[in-house]
C-alpha atoms as a PDB file:
ATOM      1  CA  UNK A   1       6.125 -21.410  34.336  1.00  0.00           C
ATOM      2  CA  UNK A   2       4.116 -23.830  36.452  1.00  0.00           C
ATOM      3  CA  UNK A   3       1.412 -22.511  38.754  1.00  0.00           C
ATOM      4  CA  UNK A   4       2.763 -23.685  42.076  1.00  0.00           C
ATOM      5  CA  UNK A   5       4.636 -26.231  44.116  1.00  0.00           C
ATOM      6  CA  UNK A   6       3.176 -27.508  47.343  1.00  0.00           C
ATOM      7  CA  UNK A   7       4.528 -29.919  49.869  1.00  0.00           C
ATOM      8  CA  UNK A   8       2.957 -31.475  52.918  1.00  0.00           C
ATOM      9  CA  UNK A   9       4.766 -32.537  56.059  1.00  0.00           C
ATOM     10  CA  UNK A  10       3.688 -34.748  58.923  1.00  0.00           C
ATOM     11  CA  UNK A  11       5.856 -33.135  61.596  1.00  0.00           C
ATOM     12  CA  UNK A  12       7.538 -29.829  62.302  1.00  0.00           C
ATOM     13  CA  UNK A  13      10.866 -31.640  62.394  1.00  0.00           C
ATOM     14  CA  UNK A  14      10.366 -32.919  58.841  1.00  0.00           C
ATOM     15  CA  UNK A  15       9.390 -29.461  57.590  1.00  0.00           C
ATOM     16  CA  UNK A  16      12.343 -27.730  59.275  1.00  0.00           C
ATOM     17  CA  UNK A  17      14.826 -30.424  58.186  1.00  0.00           C
ATOM     18  CA  UNK A  18      13.966 -29.859  54.528  1.00  0.00           C
ATOM     19  CA  UNK A  19      13.256 -26.133  54.641  1.00  0.00           C
ATOM     20  CA  UNK A  20      15.823 -24.363  56.743  1.00  0.00           C
ATOM     21  CA  UNK A  21      15.759 -20.555  56.927  1.00  0.00           C
ATOM     22  CA  UNK A  22      18.772 -20.493  54.581  1.00  0.00           C
ATOM     23  CA  UNK A  23      16.974 -22.620  51.969  1.00  0.00           C
ATOM     24  CA  UNK A  24      13.903 -20.417  52.177  1.00  0.00           C
ATOM     25  CA  UNK A  25      16.152 -17.384  51.633  1.00  0.00           C
ATOM     26  CA  UNK A  26      17.579 -19.034  48.510  1.00  0.00           C
ATOM     27  CA  UNK A  27      14.059 -19.682  47.193  1.00  0.00           C
ATOM     28  CA  UNK A  28      13.045 -16.107  47.942  1.00  0.00           C
ATOM     29  CA  UNK A  29      16.098 -14.681  46.153  1.00  0.00           C
ATOM     30  CA  UNK A  30      15.539 -16.895  43.107  1.00  0.00           C
ATOM     31  CA  UNK A  31      11.832 -16.055  42.940  1.00  0.00           C
ATOM     32  CA  UNK A  32      12.559 -12.341  43.265  1.00  0.00           C
ATOM     33  CA  UNK A  33      15.305 -12.232  40.629  1.00  0.00           C
ATOM     34  CA  UNK A  34      14.069 -14.896  38.241  1.00  0.00           C
ATOM     35  CA  UNK A  35      17.353 -16.790  38.580  1.00  0.00           C
ATOM     36  CA  UNK A  36      20.928 -16.515  39.776  1.00  0.00           C
ATOM     37  CA  UNK A  37      24.251 -18.262  39.319  1.00  0.00           C
ATOM     38  CA  UNK A  38      25.854 -19.769  42.402  1.00  0.00           C
ATOM     39  CA  UNK A  39      28.503 -17.017  42.563  1.00  0.00           C
ATOM     40  CA  UNK A  40      25.710 -14.424  42.720  1.00  0.00           C
ATOM     41  CA  UNK A  41      23.999 -16.388  45.487  1.00  0.00           C
ATOM     42  CA  UNK A  42      27.304 -16.476  47.405  1.00  0.00           C
ATOM     43  CA  UNK A  43      27.671 -12.702  47.137  1.00  0.00           C
ATOM     44  CA  UNK A  44      24.045 -12.049  48.119  1.00  0.00           C
ATOM     45  CA  UNK A  45      24.031 -14.466  51.045  1.00  0.00           C
ATOM     46  CA  UNK A  46      27.623 -14.159  52.252  1.00  0.00           C
ATOM     47  CA  UNK A  47      27.607 -17.931  52.656  1.00  0.00           C
ATOM     48  CA  UNK A  48      30.233 -20.553  51.990  1.00  0.00           C
ATOM     49  CA  UNK A  49      30.209 -22.268  48.566  1.00  0.00           C
ATOM     50  CA  UNK A  50      29.961 -25.768  50.059  1.00  0.00           C
ATOM     51  CA  UNK A  51      27.012 -24.926  52.308  1.00  0.00           C
ATOM     52  CA  UNK A  52      25.199 -23.197  49.486  1.00  0.00           C
ATOM     53  CA  UNK A  53      25.848 -26.119  47.163  1.00  0.00           C
ATOM     54  CA  UNK A  54      24.376 -28.544  49.748  1.00  0.00           C
ATOM     55  CA  UNK A  55      21.259 -26.412  50.134  1.00  0.00           C
ATOM     56  CA  UNK A  56      20.824 -26.179  46.365  1.00  0.00           C
ATOM     57  CA  UNK A  57      21.170 -29.977  46.108  1.00  0.00           C
ATOM     58  CA  UNK A  58      18.281 -30.423  48.570  1.00  0.00           C
ATOM     59  CA  UNK A  59      16.153 -27.875  46.712  1.00  0.00           C
ATOM     60  CA  UNK A  60      16.973 -29.564  43.386  1.00  0.00           C
ATOM     61  CA  UNK A  61      16.064 -33.002  44.785  1.00  0.00           C
ATOM     62  CA  UNK A  62      12.685 -31.638  45.918  1.00  0.00           C
ATOM     63  CA  UNK A  63      12.065 -30.171  42.426  1.00  0.00           C
ATOM     64  CA  UNK A  64      11.905 -26.663  43.871  1.00  0.00           C
ATOM     65  CA  UNK A  65      14.875 -25.370  41.879  1.00  0.00           C
ATOM     66  CA  UNK A  66      16.196 -26.085  38.414  1.00  0.00           C
ATOM     67  CA  UNK A  67      19.652 -25.508  36.962  1.00  0.00           C
ATOM     68  CA  UNK A  68      20.162 -24.781  33.283  1.00  0.00           C
ATOM     69  CA  UNK A  69      23.178 -25.562  31.120  1.00  0.00           C
ATOM     70  CA  UNK A  70      24.831 -22.239  32.034  1.00  0.00           C
ATOM     71  CA  UNK A  71      24.581 -22.915  35.784  1.00  0.00           C
ATOM     72  CA  UNK A  72      21.651 -20.535  36.309  1.00  0.00           C
ATOM     73  CA  UNK A  73      19.462 -21.648  39.217  1.00  0.00           C
ATOM     74  CA  UNK A  74      15.797 -20.694  39.124  1.00  0.00           C
ATOM     75  CA  UNK A  75      12.444 -21.637  40.638  1.00  0.00           C
ATOM     76  CA  UNK A  76      10.136 -23.075  37.971  1.00  0.00           C
ATOM     77  CA  UNK A  77       7.031 -22.176  39.980  1.00  0.00           C
ATOM     78  CA  UNK A  78       4.911 -19.043  40.369  1.00  0.00           C
ATOM     79  CA  UNK A  79       4.529 -19.833  44.067  1.00  0.00           C
ATOM     80  CA  UNK A  80       5.824 -22.247  46.699  1.00  0.00           C
ATOM     81  CA  UNK A  81       3.397 -23.458  49.367  1.00  0.00           C
ATOM     82  CA  UNK A  82       4.403 -25.371  52.477  1.00  0.00           C
ATOM     83  CA  UNK A  83       1.605 -27.130  54.353  1.00  0.00           C
ATOM     84  CA  UNK A  84       1.765 -28.544  57.851  1.00  0.00           C
ATOM     85  CA  UNK A  85      -1.041 -30.323  59.660  1.00  0.00           C
ATOM     86  CA  UNK A  86      -0.701 -30.538  63.423  1.00  0.00           C
ATOM     87  CA  UNK A  87      -2.789 -33.271  65.045  1.00  0.00           C
ATOM     88  CA  UNK A  88      -3.711 -33.605  68.737  1.00  0.00           C
ATOM     89  CA  UNK A  89      -1.521 -36.692  69.216  1.00  0.00           C
ATOM     90  CA  UNK A  90       1.504 -34.749  67.916  1.00  0.00           C
ATOM     91  CA  UNK A  91       0.928 -31.987  70.469  1.00  0.00           C
ATOM     92  CA  UNK A  92       1.154 -34.332  73.481  1.00  0.00           C
ATOM     93  CA  UNK A  93       4.293 -34.084  75.602  1.00  0.00           C
ATOM     94  CA  UNK A  94       6.749 -36.899  75.050  1.00  0.00           C
END
């Protein structure tokens, strides 16, 4: 397993667009269990298949989740770190 994934974001909007609470819950469940099939994620989350599939696609595209040949989704990292730097010019009212 790799030591850790980290991502940096320039704005809160960018961070929250990629990492919704539902996607963070998926990551947490996969890290805790070591891996789950989509049907198990549906049962655990109570979410719709299509929504869950979309969230997994985003996580896969960001290399946060892998899927093996049996359909098992897992996180190939020991830890996931999300970094956000807020600068004074971003804090000004629009």
